[in-house]
Amino acid sequence: MPEPVLSPARYESADATSRAASIAFPAILAGLLLSVLLVWWIYPATTVDRRLPSPIPQYPPPRLQSDPAADMQKFREAELVRLNSFGWDDRAKGLGHIPIDDAMRRIAASGIPDWPK
């Protein structure tokens, strides 16, 4: 079977003229310049660079515990001292604290109003 004969390849025989390029290039630049000027005219306040503080809060770095067990022991001792002592929380308002054992005895003796028995 004979191979089919293909027609010769076709291509653009003429390039763009230099006159067309000399008109198109400045027209594109002028269009870009006009669009930038139009944006500046429509949004005049946005062209000012205002340095605002960061919207993310700046927290201090964490203070790492060098001895967590000792810190917990100090915390526990401070809580036990508070639970087993008398003292004022707010003297002006008449708020204070009493030892936990005394508080439990008083509640057991008098009860809690509106508490089911």
PDB file of N, CA and C in Angstrom:
ATOM      1  N   MET A   1       0.836  -1.149   0.000  1.00  0.00           N
ATOM      2  CA  MET A   1       0.000   0.000   0.000  1.00  0.00           C
ATOM      3  C   MET A   1       0.900   1.236   0.000  1.00  0.00           C
ATOM      4  N   PRO A   2       0.691   2.112  -0.885  1.00  0.00           N
ATOM      5  CA  PRO A   2       1.561   3.290  -0.977  1.00  0.00           C
ATOM      6  C   PRO A   2       1.258   4.265   0.155  1.00  0.00           C
ATOM      7  N   GLU A   3       2.316   4.890   0.623  1.00  0.00           N
ATOM      8  CA  GLU A   3       2.132   5.877   1.704  1.00  0.00           C
ATOM      9  C   GLU A   3       1.475   7.126   1.144  1.00  0.00           C
ATOM     10  N   PRO A   4       0.563   7.728   1.958  1.00  0.00           N
ATOM     11  CA  PRO A   4      -0.107   8.926   1.456  1.00  0.00           C
ATOM     12  C   PRO A   4       0.870  10.090   1.382  1.00  0.00           C
ATOM     13  N   VAL A   5       0.694  10.904   0.445  1.00  0.00           N
ATOM     14  CA  VAL A   5       1.547  12.064   0.260  1.00  0.00           C
ATOM     15  C   VAL A   5       0.936  13.215   1.035  1.00  0.00           C
ATOM     16  N   LEU A   6       1.725  13.768   1.921  1.00  0.00           N
ATOM     17  CA  LEU A   6       1.243  14.876   2.749  1.00  0.00           C
ATOM     18  C   LEU A   6       1.595  16.188   2.097  1.00  0.00           C
ATOM     19  N   SER A   7       0.707  17.152   2.314  1.00  0.00           N
ATOM     20  CA  SER A   7       1.014  18.478   1.776  1.00  0.00           C
ATOM     21  C   SER A   7       2.114  19.102   2.621  1.00  0.00           C
ATOM     22  N   PRO A   8       2.886  20.008   2.107  1.00  0.00           N
ATOM     23  CA  PRO A   8       3.968  20.602   2.888  1.00  0.00           C
ATOM     24  C   PRO A   8       3.419  21.382   4.087  1.00  0.00           C
ATOM     25  N   ALA A   9       4.218  21.410   5.130  1.00  0.00           N
ATOM     26  CA  ALA A   9       3.808  22.107   6.357  1.00  0.00           C
ATOM     27  C   ALA A   9       3.631  23.581   6.079  1.00  0.00           C
ATOM     28  N   ARG A  10       2.601  24.156   6.730  1.00  0.00           N
ATOM     29  CA  ARG A  10       2.361  25.570   6.527  1.00  0.00           C
ATOM     30  C   ARG A  10       2.793  26.335   7.767  1.00  0.00           C
ATOM     31  N   TYR A  11       3.168  27.539   7.628  1.00  0.00           N
ATOM     32  CA  TYR A  11       3.599  28.386   8.743  1.00  0.00           C
ATOM     33  C   TYR A  11       3.249  29.811   8.410  1.00  0.00           C
ATOM     34  N   GLU A  12       3.359  30.658   9.436  1.00  0.00           N
ATOM     35  CA  GLU A  12       3.064  32.074   9.249  1.00  0.00           C
ATOM     36  C   GLU A  12       4.149  32.661   8.364  1.00  0.00           C
ATOM     37  N   SER A  13       3.735  33.187   7.292  1.00  0.00           N
ATOM     38  CA  SER A  13       4.732  33.684   6.353  1.00  0.00           C
ATOM     39  C   SER A  13       5.185  35.092   6.677  1.00  0.00           C
ATOM     40  N   ALA A  14       4.396  35.823   7.473  1.00  0.00           N
ATOM     41  CA  ALA A  14       4.781  37.206   7.790  1.00  0.00           C
ATOM     42  C   ALA A  14       4.733  37.394   9.304  1.00  0.00           C
ATOM     43  N   ASP A  15       5.774  37.952   9.866  1.00  0.00           N
ATOM     44  CA  ASP A  15       5.796  38.250  11.292  1.00  0.00           C
ATOM     45  C   ASP A  15       5.049  39.556  11.538  1.00  0.00           C
ATOM     46  N   ALA A  16       4.872  39.860  12.824  1.00  0.00           N
ATOM     47  CA  ALA A  16       4.257  41.139  13.166  1.00  0.00           C
ATOM     48  C   ALA A  16       5.203  42.238  12.735  1.00  0.00           C
ATOM     49  N   THR A  17       4.644  43.278  12.268  1.00  0.00           N
ATOM     50  CA  THR A  17       5.491  44.363  11.784  1.00  0.00           C
ATOM     51  C   THR A  17       6.073  45.144  12.948  1.00  0.00           C
ATOM     52  N   SER A  18       7.158  45.798  12.718  1.00  0.00           N
ATOM     53  CA  SER A  18       7.769  46.606  13.776  1.00  0.00           C
ATOM     54  C   SER A  18       6.875  47.793  14.116  1.00  0.00           C
ATOM     55  N   ARG A  19       6.079  48.229  13.176  1.00  0.00           N
ATOM     56  CA  ARG A  19       5.144  49.327  13.440  1.00  0.00           C
ATOM     57  C   ARG A  19       4.089  48.897  14.467  1.00  0.00           C
ATOM     58  N   ALA A  20       3.587  47.669  14.328  1.00  0.00           N
ATOM     59  CA  ALA A  20       2.592  47.160  15.276  1.00  0.00           C
ATOM     60  C   ALA A  20       3.205  47.018  16.671  1.00  0.00           C
ATOM     61  N   ALA A  21       4.431  46.533  16.747  1.00  0.00           N
ATOM     62  CA  ALA A  21       5.106  46.391  18.038  1.00  0.00           C
ATOM     63  C   ALA A  21       5.383  47.739  18.665  1.00  0.00           C
ATOM     64  N   SER A  22       5.747  48.719  17.841  1.00  0.00           N
ATOM     65  CA  SER A  22       6.044  50.048  18.386  1.00  0.00           C
ATOM     66  C   SER A  22       4.773  50.752  18.869  1.00  0.00           C
ATOM     67  N   ILE A  23       3.617  50.323  18.403  1.00  0.00           N
ATOM     68  CA  ILE A  23       2.356  50.883  18.898  1.00  0.00           C
ATOM     69  C   ILE A  23       1.856  50.082  20.104  1.00  0.00           C
ATOM     70  N   ALA A  24       1.962  48.750  20.074  1.00  0.00           N
ATOM     71  CA  ALA A  24       1.416  47.888  21.130  1.00  0.00           C
ATOM     72  C   ALA A  24       2.176  48.054  22.450  1.00  0.00           C
ATOM     73  N   PHE A  25       3.493  48.105  22.414  1.00  0.00           N
ATOM     74  CA  PHE A  25       4.295  48.177  23.640  1.00  0.00           C
ATOM     75  C   PHE A  25       3.976  49.441  24.456  1.00  0.00           C
ATOM     76  N   PRO A  26       4.002  50.637  23.863  1.00  0.00           N
ATOM     77  CA  PRO A  26       3.638  51.826  24.651  1.00  0.00           C
ATOM     78  C   PRO A  26       2.172  51.820  25.084  1.00  0.00           C
ATOM     79  N   ALA A  27       1.290  51.217  24.282  1.00  0.00           N
ATOM     80  CA  ALA A  27      -0.126  51.152  24.667  1.00  0.00           C
ATOM     81  C   ALA A  27      -0.311  50.286  25.905  1.00  0.00           C
ATOM     82  N   ILE A  28       0.396  49.174  25.982  1.00  0.00           N
ATOM     83  CA  ILE A  28       0.317  48.302  27.166  1.00  0.00           C
ATOM     84  C   ILE A  28       0.868  49.027  28.385  1.00  0.00           C
ATOM     85  N   LEU A  29       2.016  49.697  28.233  1.00  0.00           N
ATOM     86  CA  LEU A  29       2.584  50.449  29.355  1.00  0.00           C
ATOM     87  C   LEU A  29       1.649  51.559  29.815  1.00  0.00           C
ATOM     88  N   ALA A  30       1.040  52.258  28.885  1.00  0.00           N
ATOM     89  CA  ALA A  30       0.107  53.333  29.236  1.00  0.00           C
ATOM     90  C   ALA A  30      -1.108  52.763  29.961  1.00  0.00           C
ATOM     91  N   GLY A  31      -1.591  51.607  29.531  1.00  0.00           N
ATOM     92  CA  GLY A  31      -2.733  50.963  30.205  1.00  0.00           C
ATOM     93  C   GLY A  31      -2.396  50.576  31.631  1.00  0.00           C
ATOM     94  N   LEU A  32      -1.205  50.035  31.829  1.00  0.00           N
ATOM     95  CA  LEU A  32      -0.774  49.677  33.194  1.00  0.00           C
ATOM     96  C   LEU A  32      -0.646  50.914  34.075  1.00  0.00           C
ATOM     97  N   LEU A  33      -0.041  51.963  33.533  1.00  0.00           N
ATOM     98  CA  LEU A  33       0.118  53.197  34.289  1.00  0.00           C
ATOM     99  C   LEU A  33      -1.241  53.798  34.648  1.00  0.00           C
ATOM    100  N   LEU A  34      -2.163  53.797  33.703  1.00  0.00           N
ATOM    101  CA  LEU A  34      -3.508  54.321  33.976  1.00  0.00           C
ATOM    102  C   LEU A  34      -4.234  53.495  35.040  1.00  0.00           C
ATOM    103  N   SER A  35      -4.069  52.192  35.019  1.00  0.00           N
ATOM    104  CA  SER A  35      -4.739  51.357  36.030  1.00  0.00           C
ATOM    105  C   SER A  35      -4.161  51.616  37.420  1.00  0.00           C
ATOM    106  N   VAL A  36      -2.836  51.825  37.526  1.00  0.00           N
ATOM    107  CA  VAL A  36      -2.226  52.148  38.820  1.00  0.00           C
ATOM    108  C   VAL A  36      -2.721  53.501  39.312  1.00  0.00           C
ATOM    109  N   LEU A  37      -2.766  54.483  38.431  1.00  0.00           N
ATOM    110  CA  LEU A  37      -3.255  55.802  38.819  1.00  0.00           C
ATOM    111  C   LEU A  37      -4.729  55.759  39.220  1.00  0.00           C
ATOM    112  N   LEU A  38      -5.520  54.956  38.543  1.00  0.00           N
ATOM    113  CA  LEU A  38      -6.937  54.807  38.881  1.00  0.00           C
ATOM    114  C   LEU A  38      -7.102  54.199  40.278  1.00  0.00           C
ATOM    115  N   VAL A  39      -6.312  53.212  40.598  1.00  0.00           N
ATOM    116  CA  VAL A  39      -6.379  52.599  41.927  1.00  0.00           C
ATOM    117  C   VAL A  39      -5.970  53.614  42.992  1.00  0.00           C
ATOM    118  N   TRP A  40      -4.912  54.388  42.750  1.00  0.00           N
ATOM    119  CA  TRP A  40      -4.505  55.419  43.716  1.00  0.00           C
ATOM    120  C   TRP A  40      -5.588  56.475  43.887  1.00  0.00           C
ATOM    121  N   TRP A  41      -6.285  56.790  42.836  1.00  0.00           N
ATOM    122  CA  TRP A  41      -7.348  57.794  42.915  1.00  0.00           C
ATOM    123  C   TRP A  41      -8.564  57.257  43.673  1.00  0.00           C
ATOM    124  N   ILE A  42      -8.923  55.979  43.451  1.00  0.00           N
ATOM    125  CA  ILE A  42     -10.090  55.390  44.115  1.00  0.00           C
ATOM    126  C   ILE A  42      -9.804  55.105  45.588  1.00  0.00           C
ATOM    127  N   TYR A  43      -8.622  54.629  45.911  1.00  0.00           N
ATOM    128  CA  TYR A  43      -8.247  54.258  47.275  1.00  0.00           C
ATOM    129  C   TYR A  43      -7.047  55.087  47.737  1.00  0.00           C
ATOM    130  N   PRO A  44      -7.222  56.367  48.037  1.00  0.00           N
ATOM    131  CA  PRO A  44      -6.057  57.197  48.381  1.00  0.00           C
ATOM    132  C   PRO A  44      -5.440  56.856  49.736  1.00  0.00           C
ATOM    133  N   ALA A  45      -6.236  56.422  50.700  1.00  0.00           N
ATOM    134  CA  ALA A  45      -5.697  56.177  52.048  1.00  0.00           C
ATOM    135  C   ALA A  45      -4.911  54.881  52.140  1.00  0.00           C
ATOM    136  N   THR A  46      -5.092  53.991  51.202  1.00  0.00           N
ATOM    137  CA  THR A  46      -4.410  52.704  51.304  1.00  0.00           C
ATOM    138  C   THR A  46      -2.968  52.758  50.846  1.00  0.00           C
ATOM    139  N   THR A  47      -2.555  53.863  50.284  1.00  0.00           N
ATOM    140  CA  THR A  47      -1.174  53.941  49.809  1.00  0.00           C
ATOM    141  C   THR A  47      -0.213  54.319  50.925  1.00  0.00           C
ATOM    142  N   VAL A  48      -0.730  54.739  52.084  1.00  0.00           N
ATOM    143  CA  VAL A  48       0.119  55.103  53.212  1.00  0.00           C
ATOM    144  C   VAL A  48       0.426  53.837  54.002  1.00  0.00           C
ATOM    145  N   ASP A  49       1.680  53.626  54.267  1.00  0.00           N
ATOM    146  CA  ASP A  49       2.092  52.451  55.031  1.00  0.00           C
ATOM    147  C   ASP A  49       2.074  52.799  56.506  1.00  0.00           C
ATOM    148  N   ARG A  50       1.057  52.318  57.192  1.00  0.00           N
ATOM    149  CA  ARG A  50       0.946  52.582  58.626  1.00  0.00           C
ATOM    150  C   ARG A  50       1.441  51.358  59.381  1.00  0.00           C
ATOM    151  N   ARG A  51       2.442  51.557  60.197  1.00  0.00           N
ATOM    152  CA  ARG A  51       2.973  50.452  60.996  1.00  0.00           C
ATOM    153  C   ARG A  51       2.117  50.324  62.246  1.00  0.00           C
ATOM    154  N   LEU A  52       1.301  49.291  62.288  1.00  0.00           N
ATOM    155  CA  LEU A  52       0.433  49.050  63.430  1.00  0.00           C
ATOM    156  C   LEU A  52       1.067  47.987  64.315  1.00  0.00           C
ATOM    157  N   PRO A  53       0.709  47.995  65.594  1.00  0.00           N
ATOM    158  CA  PRO A  53       1.234  46.932  66.450  1.00  0.00           C
ATOM    159  C   PRO A  53       0.700  45.574  65.990  1.00  0.00           C
ATOM    160  N   SER A  54       1.429  44.572  66.303  1.00  0.00           N
ATOM    161  CA  SER A  54       1.051  43.225  65.893  1.00  0.00           C
ATOM    162  C   SER A  54      -0.282  42.847  66.525  1.00  0.00           C
ATOM    163  N   PRO A  55      -1.213  42.259  65.747  1.00  0.00           N
ATOM    164  CA  PRO A  55      -2.490  41.851  66.336  1.00  0.00           C
ATOM    165  C   PRO A  55      -2.355  40.641  67.242  1.00  0.00           C
ATOM    166  N   ILE A  56      -1.221  39.978  67.183  1.00  0.00           N
ATOM    167  CA  ILE A  56      -0.992  38.816  68.036  1.00  0.00           C
ATOM    168  C   ILE A  56      -0.426  39.313  69.360  1.00  0.00           C
ATOM    169  N   PRO A  57      -1.071  38.966  70.481  1.00  0.00           N
ATOM    170  CA  PRO A  57      -0.548  39.446  71.761  1.00  0.00           C
ATOM    171  C   PRO A  57       0.841  38.880  72.040  1.00  0.00           C
ATOM    172  N   GLN A  58       1.667  39.709  72.626  1.00  0.00           N
ATOM    173  CA  GLN A  58       3.027  39.284  72.954  1.00  0.00           C
ATOM    174  C   GLN A  58       3.057  38.828  74.411  1.00  0.00           C
ATOM    175  N   TYR A  59       3.112  37.550  74.619  1.00  0.00           N
ATOM    176  CA  TYR A  59       3.147  36.990  75.959  1.00  0.00           C
ATOM    177  C   TYR A  59       4.590  36.843  76.419  1.00  0.00           C
ATOM    178  N   PRO A  60       4.810  36.962  77.727  1.00  0.00           N
ATOM    179  CA  PRO A  60       6.181  36.750  78.209  1.00  0.00           C
ATOM    180  C   PRO A  60       6.556  35.281  78.039  1.00  0.00           C
ATOM    181  N   PRO A  61       7.835  35.012  77.912  1.00  0.00           N
ATOM    182  CA  PRO A  61       8.237  33.610  77.756  1.00  0.00           C
ATOM    183  C   PRO A  61       7.923  32.827  79.026  1.00  0.00           C
ATOM    184  N   PRO A  62       7.683  31.540  78.903  1.00  0.00           N
ATOM    185  CA  PRO A  62       7.343  30.756  80.095  1.00  0.00           C
ATOM    186  C   PRO A  62       8.539  30.643  81.043  1.00  0.00           C
ATOM    187  N   ARG A  63       8.227  30.730  82.315  1.00  0.00           N
ATOM    188  CA  ARG A  63       9.263  30.501  83.327  1.00  0.00           C
ATOM    189  C   ARG A  63       9.251  29.016  83.643  1.00  0.00           C
ATOM    190  N   LEU A  64      10.277  28.351  83.258  1.00  0.00           N
ATOM    191  CA  LEU A  64      10.329  26.907  83.443  1.00  0.00           C
ATOM    192  C   LEU A  64      10.699  26.571  84.882  1.00  0.00           C
ATOM    193  N   GLN A  65      10.104  25.506  85.369  1.00  0.00           N
ATOM    194  CA  GLN A  65      10.400  25.073  86.731  1.00  0.00           C
ATOM    195  C   GLN A  65      11.706  24.280  86.728  1.00  0.00           C
ATOM    196  N   SER A  66      12.604  24.677  87.603  1.00  0.00           N
ATOM    197  CA  SER A  66      13.851  23.927  87.690  1.00  0.00           C
ATOM    198  C   SER A  66      13.678  22.706  88.592  1.00  0.00           C
ATOM    199  N   ASP A  67      12.743  22.786  89.568  1.00  0.00           N
ATOM    200  CA  ASP A  67      12.494  21.661  90.469  1.00  0.00           C
ATOM    201  C   ASP A  67      10.990  21.574  90.743  1.00  0.00           C
ATOM    202  N   PRO A  68      10.215  20.916  89.858  1.00  0.00           N
ATOM    203  CA  PRO A  68       8.766  20.866  90.019  1.00  0.00           C
ATOM    204  C   PRO A  68       8.327  20.210  91.324  1.00  0.00           C
ATOM    205  N   ALA A  69       9.044  19.209  91.779  1.00  0.00           N
ATOM    206  CA  ALA A  69       8.655  18.522  93.013  1.00  0.00           C
ATOM    207  C   ALA A  69       8.761  19.475  94.211  1.00  0.00           C
ATOM    208  N   ALA A  70       9.829  20.259  94.271  1.00  0.00           N
ATOM    209  CA  ALA A  70       9.986  21.214  95.375  1.00  0.00           C
ATOM    210  C   ALA A  70       8.935  22.314  95.285  1.00  0.00           C
ATOM    211  N   ASP A  71       8.628  22.771  94.068  1.00  0.00           N
ATOM    212  CA  ASP A  71       7.583  23.782  93.894  1.00  0.00           C
ATOM    213  C   ASP A  71       6.236  23.260  94.366  1.00  0.00           C
ATOM    214  N   MET A  72       5.935  22.015  94.053  1.00  0.00           N
ATOM    215  CA  MET A  72       4.664  21.422  94.484  1.00  0.00           C
ATOM    216  C   MET A  72       4.632  21.277  95.999  1.00  0.00           C
ATOM    217  N   GLN A  73       5.737  20.918  96.581  1.00  0.00           N
ATOM    218  CA  GLN A  73       5.806  20.788  98.042  1.00  0.00           C
ATOM    219  C   GLN A  73       5.580  22.141  98.717  1.00  0.00           C
ATOM    220  N   LYS A  74       6.184  23.210  98.212  1.00  0.00           N
ATOM    221  CA  LYS A  74       5.977  24.550  98.766  1.00  0.00           C
ATOM    222  C   LYS A  74       4.512  24.970  98.629  1.00  0.00           C
ATOM    223  N   PHE A  75       3.909  24.678  97.448  1.00  0.00           N
ATOM    224  CA  PHE A  75       2.501  25.010  97.223  1.00  0.00           C
ATOM    225  C   PHE A  75       1.615  24.263  98.210  1.00  0.00           C
ATOM    226  N   ARG A  76       1.876  22.980  98.407  1.00  0.00           N
ATOM    227  CA  ARG A  76       1.072  22.158  99.325  1.00  0.00           C
ATOM    228  C   ARG A  76       1.195  22.680 100.753  1.00  0.00           C
ATOM    229  N   GLU A  77       2.401  23.024 101.171  1.00  0.00           N
ATOM    230  CA  GLU A  77       2.593  23.559 102.521  1.00  0.00           C
ATOM    231  C   GLU A  77       1.851  24.882 102.704  1.00  0.00           C
ATOM    232  N   ALA A  78       1.900  25.749 101.706  1.00  0.00           N
ATOM    233  CA  ALA A  78       1.191  27.030 101.797  1.00  0.00           C
ATOM    234  C   ALA A  78      -0.315  26.813 101.880  1.00  0.00           C
ATOM    235  N   GLU A  79      -0.837  25.861 101.135  1.00  0.00           N
ATOM    236  CA  GLU A  79      -2.269  25.573 101.192  1.00  0.00           C
ATOM    237  C   GLU A  79      -2.663  24.989 102.546  1.00  0.00           C
ATOM    238  N   LEU A  80      -1.832  24.108 103.091  1.00  0.00           N
ATOM    239  CA  LEU A  80      -2.138  23.532 104.405  1.00  0.00           C
ATOM    240  C   LEU A  80      -2.112  24.602 105.496  1.00  0.00           C
ATOM    241  N   VAL A  81      -1.173  25.541 105.415  1.00  0.00           N
ATOM    242  CA  VAL A  81      -1.119  26.633 106.388  1.00  0.00           C
ATOM    243  C   VAL A  81      -2.404  27.445 106.298  1.00  0.00           C
ATOM    244  N   ARG A  82      -2.851  27.749 105.104  1.00  0.00           N
ATOM    245  CA  ARG A  82      -4.092  28.530 104.937  1.00  0.00           C
ATOM    246  C   ARG A  82      -5.302  27.744 105.427  1.00  0.00           C
ATOM    247  N   LEU A  83      -5.368  26.432 105.132  1.00  0.00           N
ATOM    248  CA  LEU A  83      -6.517  25.626 105.565  1.00  0.00           C
ATOM    249  C   LEU A  83      -6.586  25.451 107.073  1.00  0.00           C
ATOM    250  N   ASN A  84      -5.470  25.589 107.764  1.00  0.00           N
ATOM    251  CA  ASN A  84      -5.433  25.332 109.207  1.00  0.00           C
ATOM    252  C   ASN A  84      -5.160  26.580 110.027  1.00  0.00           C
ATOM    253  N   SER A  85      -5.505  27.763 109.507  1.00  0.00           N
ATOM    254  CA  SER A  85      -5.227  28.993 110.239  1.00  0.00           C
ATOM    255  C   SER A  85      -6.401  29.954 110.132  1.00  0.00           C
ATOM    256  N   PHE A  86      -6.378  30.962 111.025  1.00  0.00           N
ATOM    257  CA  PHE A  86      -7.333  32.064 110.959  1.00  0.00           C
ATOM    258  C   PHE A  86      -6.674  33.202 110.194  1.00  0.00           C
ATOM    259  N   GLY A  87      -7.477  33.998 109.490  1.00  0.00           N
ATOM    260  CA  GLY A  87      -6.914  35.145 108.799  1.00  0.00           C
ATOM    261  C   GLY A  87      -7.983  35.902 108.032  1.00  0.00           C
ATOM    262  N   TRP A  88      -7.604  37.089 107.615  1.00  0.00           N
ATOM    263  CA  TRP A  88      -8.501  37.937 106.836  1.00  0.00           C
ATOM    264  C   TRP A  88      -8.213  37.787 105.355  1.00  0.00           C
ATOM    265  N   ASP A  89      -9.292  37.666 104.575  1.00  0.00           N
ATOM    266  CA  ASP A  89      -9.165  37.709 103.123  1.00  0.00           C
ATOM    267  C   ASP A  89      -9.361  39.146 102.646  1.00  0.00           C
ATOM    268  N   ASP A  90     -10.379  39.816 103.206  1.00  0.00           N
ATOM    269  CA  ASP A  90     -10.652  41.218 102.900  1.00  0.00           C
ATOM    270  C   ASP A  90     -11.248  41.835 104.156  1.00  0.00           C
ATOM    271  N   ARG A  91     -10.404  42.492 104.963  1.00  0.00           N
ATOM    272  CA  ARG A  91     -10.839  43.042 106.248  1.00  0.00           C
ATOM    273  C   ARG A  91     -11.923  44.105 106.066  1.00  0.00           C
ATOM    274  N   ALA A  92     -11.836  44.907 104.988  1.00  0.00           N
ATOM    275  CA  ALA A  92     -12.820  45.966 104.759  1.00  0.00           C
ATOM    276  C   ALA A  92     -14.218  45.383 104.528  1.00  0.00           C
ATOM    277  N   LYS A  93     -14.305  44.258 103.884  1.00  0.00           N
ATOM    278  CA  LYS A  93     -15.604  43.622 103.631  1.00  0.00           C
ATOM    279  C   LYS A  93     -15.972  42.614 104.707  1.00  0.00           C
ATOM    280  N   GLY A  94     -15.088  42.390 105.648  1.00  0.00           N
ATOM    281  CA  GLY A  94     -15.361  41.444 106.718  1.00  0.00           C
ATOM    282  C   GLY A  94     -15.253  39.997 106.289  1.00  0.00           C
ATOM    283  N   LEU A  95     -14.430  39.722 105.292  1.00  0.00           N
ATOM    284  CA  LEU A  95     -14.252  38.350 104.811  1.00  0.00           C
ATOM    285  C   LEU A  95     -12.962  37.769 105.378  1.00  0.00           C
ATOM    286  N   GLY A  96     -13.094  36.605 105.966  1.00  0.00           N
ATOM    287  CA  GLY A  96     -11.922  35.946 106.534  1.00  0.00           C
ATOM    288  C   GLY A  96     -12.022  34.451 106.337  1.00  0.00           C
ATOM    289  N   HIS A  97     -11.052  33.754 106.893  1.00  0.00           N
ATOM    290  CA  HIS A  97     -11.094  32.292 106.825  1.00  0.00           C
ATOM    291  C   HIS A  97     -10.754  31.719 108.195  1.00  0.00           C
ATOM    292  N   ILE A  98     -11.291  30.503 108.435  1.00  0.00           N
ATOM    293  CA  ILE A  98     -11.054  29.800 109.699  1.00  0.00           C
ATOM    294  C   ILE A  98     -10.500  28.424 109.353  1.00  0.00           C
ATOM    295  N   PRO A  99      -9.947  27.731 110.332  1.00  0.00           N
ATOM    296  CA  PRO A  99      -9.414  26.393 110.044  1.00  0.00           C
ATOM    297  C   PRO A  99     -10.517  25.468 109.512  1.00  0.00           C
ATOM    298  N   ILE A 100     -10.154  24.596 108.619  1.00  0.00           N
ATOM    299  CA  ILE A 100     -11.118  23.722 107.959  1.00  0.00           C
ATOM    300  C   ILE A 100     -11.824  22.801 108.953  1.00  0.00           C
ATOM    301  N   ASP A 101     -11.105  22.340 109.975  1.00  0.00           N
ATOM    302  CA  ASP A 101     -11.744  21.465 110.962  1.00  0.00           C
ATOM    303  C   ASP A 101     -12.846  22.209 111.713  1.00  0.00           C
ATOM    304  N   ASP A 102     -12.589  23.462 112.120  1.00  0.00           N
ATOM    305  CA  ASP A 102     -13.614  24.258 112.802  1.00  0.00           C
ATOM    306  C   ASP A 102     -14.803  24.505 111.871  1.00  0.00           C
ATOM    307  N   ALA A 103     -14.540  24.803 110.631  1.00  0.00           N
ATOM    308  CA  ALA A 103     -15.618  25.052 109.672  1.00  0.00           C
ATOM    309  C   ALA A 103     -16.489  23.817 109.497  1.00  0.00           C
ATOM    310  N   MET A 104     -15.876  22.649 109.390  1.00  0.00           N
ATOM    311  CA  MET A 104     -16.668  21.417 109.231  1.00  0.00           C
ATOM    312  C   MET A 104     -17.478  21.124 110.485  1.00  0.00           C
ATOM    313  N   ARG A 105     -16.915  21.354 111.688  1.00  0.00           N
ATOM    314  CA  ARG A 105     -17.671  21.138 112.941  1.00  0.00           C
ATOM    315  C   ARG A 105     -18.879  22.067 113.008  1.00  0.00           C
ATOM    316  N   ARG A 106     -18.697  23.329 112.649  1.00  0.00           N
ATOM    317  CA  ARG A 106     -19.803  24.295 112.690  1.00  0.00           C
ATOM    318  C   ARG A 106     -20.905  23.912 111.698  1.00  0.00           C
ATOM    319  N   ILE A 107     -20.528  23.490 110.514  1.00  0.00           N
ATOM    320  CA  ILE A 107     -21.519  23.080 109.518  1.00  0.00           C
ATOM    321  C   ILE A 107     -22.244  21.829 109.993  1.00  0.00           C
ATOM    322  N   ALA A 108     -21.512  20.887 110.570  1.00  0.00           N
ATOM    323  CA  ALA A 108     -22.138  19.654 111.053  1.00  0.00           C
ATOM    324  C   ALA A 108     -23.114  19.957 112.199  1.00  0.00           C
ATOM    325  N   ALA A 109     -22.790  20.931 113.066  1.00  0.00           N
ATOM    326  CA  ALA A 109     -23.655  21.255 114.199  1.00  0.00           C
ATOM    327  C   ALA A 109     -24.898  22.031 113.766  1.00  0.00           C
ATOM    328  N   SER A 110     -24.730  23.005 112.876  1.00  0.00           N
ATOM    329  CA  SER A 110     -25.870  23.863 112.526  1.00  0.00           C
ATOM    330  C   SER A 110     -26.565  23.444 111.237  1.00  0.00           C
ATOM    331  N   GLY A 111     -25.892  22.729 110.375  1.00  0.00           N
ATOM    332  CA  GLY A 111     -26.482  22.343 109.097  1.00  0.00           C
ATOM    333  C   GLY A 111     -26.397  23.472 108.080  1.00  0.00           C
ATOM    334  N   ILE A 112     -26.835  23.153 106.888  1.00  0.00           N
ATOM    335  CA  ILE A 112     -26.836  24.135 105.813  1.00  0.00           C
ATOM    336  C   ILE A 112     -28.299  24.423 105.478  1.00  0.00           C
ATOM    337  N   PRO A 113     -28.693  25.709 105.489  1.00  0.00           N
ATOM    338  CA  PRO A 113     -30.089  26.010 105.157  1.00  0.00           C
ATOM    339  C   PRO A 113     -30.442  25.511 103.755  1.00  0.00           C
ATOM    340  N   ASP A 114     -31.654  25.003 103.594  1.00  0.00           N
ATOM    341  CA  ASP A 114     -32.172  24.494 102.313  1.00  0.00           C
ATOM    342  C   ASP A 114     -31.379  23.310 101.776  1.00  0.00           C
ATOM    343  N   TRP A 115     -30.673  22.608 102.648  1.00  0.00           N
ATOM    344  CA  TRP A 115     -29.920  21.425 102.230  1.00  0.00           C
ATOM    345  C   TRP A 115     -30.718  20.192 102.635  1.00  0.00           C
ATOM    346  N   PRO A 116     -30.913  19.239 101.738  1.00  0.00           N
ATOM    347  CA  PRO A 116     -31.692  18.053 102.115  1.00  0.00           C
ATOM    348  C   PRO A 116     -31.012  17.261 103.219  1.00  0.00           C
ATOM    349  N   LYS A 117     -31.814  16.742 104.141  1.00  0.00           N
ATOM    350  CA  LYS A 117     -31.243  15.978 105.269  1.00  0.00           C
ATOM    351  C   LYS A 117     -31.160  14.508 104.955  1.00  0.00           C
TER     352      LYS A 117
END
